[in-house]
Amino acid sequence: MRIAEQTGQRGLKQSLRSRRRAPVAVIAILATVAGLAISKLPLSASQTVKYRVAVVEKGSVVSAISAAGTVKPLAAILVGSQASGQIKELAADFNSRVTRGSVIARLNDDAVEAKLAQAIIDVDVAAAAAGVQRAQLERAWPRPTPPAPRSMSRGPISRVRK
């Protein structure tokens, strides 16, 4: 039994030693990490921020920026018209400020005027054809002659109520 007691005491001593060493090891690791983090911070006076002071002046922009990609507007507005055709005159340009009722473009109205003239001619032709049809109808079915008006002396006199 003596051997078992000696073995048990050795295991107990070793576990006590490892329990004492664990907090010391954790503290050592934390101190190392904190030291590395502090060493990376700019603490020296050579790393101060430098400013450049200048007087404000009005002038033109001399630098240009070039980029590749797609430009998208903040808001898109759909503009349409009630008529279509070729544009004869353009009164507004890109990014021009317009108000309600202002003329933006004038369409070429030659085709519309030609259609209007053709429609007027068609109406005149239809009216003439209707007159021809009316004349042919009267020739085919003559109207009966209305009876002759009666004179007052021939017919009975109507009585007036009193």
Protein backbone atom coordinates (compact mmCIF):
# COMPACT_ATOMS: atom_id res chain seq x y z
CA MET A 1 0.00 0.00 0.00
CA ARG A 2 2.93 2.17 0.56
CA ILE A 3 3.69 2.31 -3.14
CA ALA A 4 0.14 3.41 -3.90
CA GLU A 5 0.38 6.18 -1.33
CA GLN A 6 3.66 7.39 -2.74
CA THR A 7 2.26 7.40 -6.29
CA GLY A 8 -0.86 9.28 -5.16
CA GLN A 9 1.21 11.89 -3.36
CA ARG A 10 3.39 12.43 -6.41
CA GLY A 11 0.31 12.95 -8.64
CA LEU A 12 -1.14 15.38 -6.11
CA LYS A 13 2.09 17.36 -5.94
CA GLN A 14 2.34 17.53 -9.73
CA SER A 15 -1.29 18.72 -10.11
CA LEU A 16 -0.69 21.43 -7.47
CA ARG A 17 2.41 22.60 -9.33
CA SER A 18 0.56 22.73 -12.70
CA ARG A 19 -2.29 24.68 -11.07
CA ARG A 20 0.17 27.22 -9.77
CA ARG A 21 1.91 27.52 -13.15
CA ALA A 22 -1.31 28.09 -15.22
CA PRO A 23 -2.13 31.62 -13.92
CA VAL A 24 1.51 32.61 -14.24
CA ALA A 25 1.55 31.44 -17.87
CA VAL A 26 -1.68 33.29 -18.71
CA ILE A 27 -0.35 36.50 -17.14
CA ALA A 28 2.89 36.15 -19.10
CA ILE A 29 1.03 35.71 -22.41
CA LEU A 30 -1.24 38.70 -21.72
CA ALA A 31 1.75 40.87 -20.83
CA THR A 32 3.49 39.90 -24.08
CA VAL A 33 0.43 40.72 -26.19
CA ALA A 34 -0.08 44.06 -24.39
CA GLY A 35 3.59 44.95 -24.91
CA LEU A 36 3.39 44.24 -28.64
CA ALA A 37 0.22 46.31 -28.98
CA ILE A 38 1.75 49.27 -27.13
CA SER A 39 4.90 49.12 -29.21
CA LYS A 40 2.84 49.56 -32.42
CA LEU A 41 1.24 52.83 -31.18
CA PRO A 42 2.83 56.10 -32.43
CA LEU A 43 4.35 57.46 -29.25
CA SER A 44 7.43 59.16 -30.62
CA ALA A 45 7.59 62.89 -31.36
CA SER A 46 8.88 62.25 -34.90
CA GLN A 47 5.45 60.99 -35.97
CA THR A 48 3.56 64.26 -35.42
CA VAL A 49 0.90 65.42 -37.89
CA LYS A 50 2.02 68.10 -40.34
CA TYR A 51 -0.38 70.75 -41.69
CA ARG A 52 -0.02 73.01 -44.72
CA VAL A 53 -1.70 76.42 -44.47
CA ALA A 54 -2.75 78.37 -47.57
CA VAL A 55 -4.83 81.43 -48.40
CA VAL A 56 -8.18 80.71 -50.07
CA GLU A 57 -8.20 81.88 -53.68
CA LYS A 58 -10.83 81.86 -56.40
CA GLY A 59 -9.74 80.16 -59.60
CA SER A 60 -10.43 77.44 -62.10
CA VAL A 61 -10.03 73.73 -61.46
CA VAL A 62 -6.94 72.42 -63.18
CA SER A 63 -7.09 68.76 -62.30
CA ALA A 64 -9.32 66.27 -64.06
CA ILE A 65 -10.61 62.90 -62.95
CA SER A 66 -11.22 60.01 -65.30
CA ALA A 67 -13.03 56.84 -64.35
CA ALA A 68 -14.61 53.85 -65.99
CA GLY A 69 -18.10 52.71 -65.17
CA THR A 70 -21.75 53.59 -65.51
CA VAL A 71 -23.20 56.92 -64.41
CA LYS A 72 -26.67 56.60 -62.88
CA PRO A 73 -28.93 59.57 -62.13
CA LEU A 74 -30.39 60.21 -58.68
CA ALA A 75 -33.88 60.54 -60.16
CA ALA A 76 -35.16 59.65 -63.62
CA ILE A 77 -38.16 61.49 -65.05
CA LEU A 78 -40.04 60.14 -68.04
CA VAL A 79 -40.93 62.88 -70.51
CA GLY A 80 -43.37 62.11 -73.30
CA SER A 81 -45.60 63.80 -75.82
CA GLN A 82 -49.08 63.26 -77.17
CA ALA A 83 -47.89 63.38 -80.77
CA SER A 84 -44.97 61.87 -82.61
CA GLY A 85 -43.01 63.00 -85.62
CA GLN A 86 -39.81 64.60 -86.77
CA ILE A 87 -38.50 67.52 -84.72
CA LYS A 88 -38.41 70.81 -86.62
CA GLU A 89 -37.11 73.03 -83.78
CA LEU A 90 -35.54 72.17 -80.41
CA ALA A 91 -36.08 74.90 -77.79
CA ALA A 92 -34.50 73.18 -74.74
CA ASP A 93 -31.11 71.54 -74.40
CA PHE A 94 -29.71 68.94 -71.99
CA ASN A 95 -29.92 70.18 -68.34
CA SER A 96 -31.97 73.23 -69.35
CA ARG A 97 -34.46 74.43 -66.74
CA VAL A 98 -38.03 74.22 -68.03
CA THR A 99 -41.37 75.03 -66.44
CA ARG A 100 -44.87 73.71 -66.92
CA GLY A 101 -46.30 74.79 -70.26
CA SER A 102 -42.98 75.81 -71.80
CA VAL A 103 -42.23 74.64 -75.35
CA ILE A 104 -39.46 72.06 -75.48
CA ALA A 105 -39.61 71.14 -79.17
CA ARG A 106 -41.72 71.83 -82.27
CA LEU A 107 -42.61 68.97 -84.57
CA ASN A 108 -42.62 69.11 -88.35
CA ASP A 109 -46.34 69.50 -89.11
CA ASP A 110 -46.22 69.13 -92.92
CA ALA A 111 -47.55 65.56 -92.79
CA VAL A 112 -50.34 66.52 -90.37
CA GLU A 113 -51.41 69.45 -92.56
CA ALA A 114 -51.46 67.16 -95.61
CA LYS A 115 -53.68 64.67 -93.74
CA LEU A 116 -56.01 67.51 -92.71
CA ALA A 117 -56.30 68.77 -96.30
CA GLN A 118 -57.01 65.21 -97.48
CA ALA A 119 -59.70 64.81 -94.80
CA ILE A 120 -61.39 68.08 -95.88
CA ILE A 121 -61.37 66.90 -99.49
CA ASP A 122 -62.84 63.53 -98.42
CA VAL A 123 -65.68 65.34 -96.61
CA ASP A 124 -66.42 67.44 -99.71
CA VAL A 125 -66.44 64.32 -101.92
CA ALA A 126 -68.76 62.51 -99.49
CA ALA A 127 -71.16 65.50 -99.43
CA ALA A 128 -71.23 65.59 -103.24
CA ALA A 129 -71.87 61.83 -103.39
CA ALA A 130 -74.71 62.22 -100.87
CA GLY A 131 -76.25 64.96 -103.08
CA VAL A 132 -76.04 62.67 -106.11
CA GLN A 133 -77.68 59.82 -104.17
CA ARG A 134 -80.46 62.15 -102.96
CA ALA A 135 -81.19 63.29 -106.53
CA GLN A 136 -81.30 59.70 -107.79
CA LEU A 137 -83.69 58.75 -104.97
CA GLU A 138 -86.06 61.59 -105.77
CA ARG A 139 -86.09 60.61 -109.44
CA ALA A 140 -86.85 56.98 -108.58
CA TRP A 141 -89.62 57.72 -106.05
CA PRO A 142 -91.33 60.99 -106.78
CA ARG A 143 -92.97 62.65 -103.82
CA PRO A 144 -96.74 62.76 -103.83
CA THR A 145 -98.13 66.23 -104.38
CA PRO A 146 -99.72 67.60 -101.26
CA PRO A 147 -103.52 68.24 -101.35
CA ALA A 148 -104.67 71.75 -102.16
CA PRO A 149 -105.47 73.86 -99.12
CA ARG A 150 -109.18 74.16 -98.32
CA SER A 151 -110.77 77.49 -98.28
CA MET A 152 -112.87 78.59 -95.32
CA SER A 153 -116.03 79.03 -97.34
CA ARG A 154 -116.22 75.40 -98.35
CA GLY A 155 -115.77 73.63 -95.06
CA PRO A 156 -117.93 73.67 -91.93
CA ILE A 157 -117.32 76.33 -89.37
CA SER A 158 -116.14 75.10 -86.06
CA ARG A 159 -118.07 76.20 -83.01
CA VAL A 160 -116.36 78.19 -80.38
CA ARG A 161 -117.25 77.44 -76.79
CA LYS A 162 -118.64 80.22 -74.77
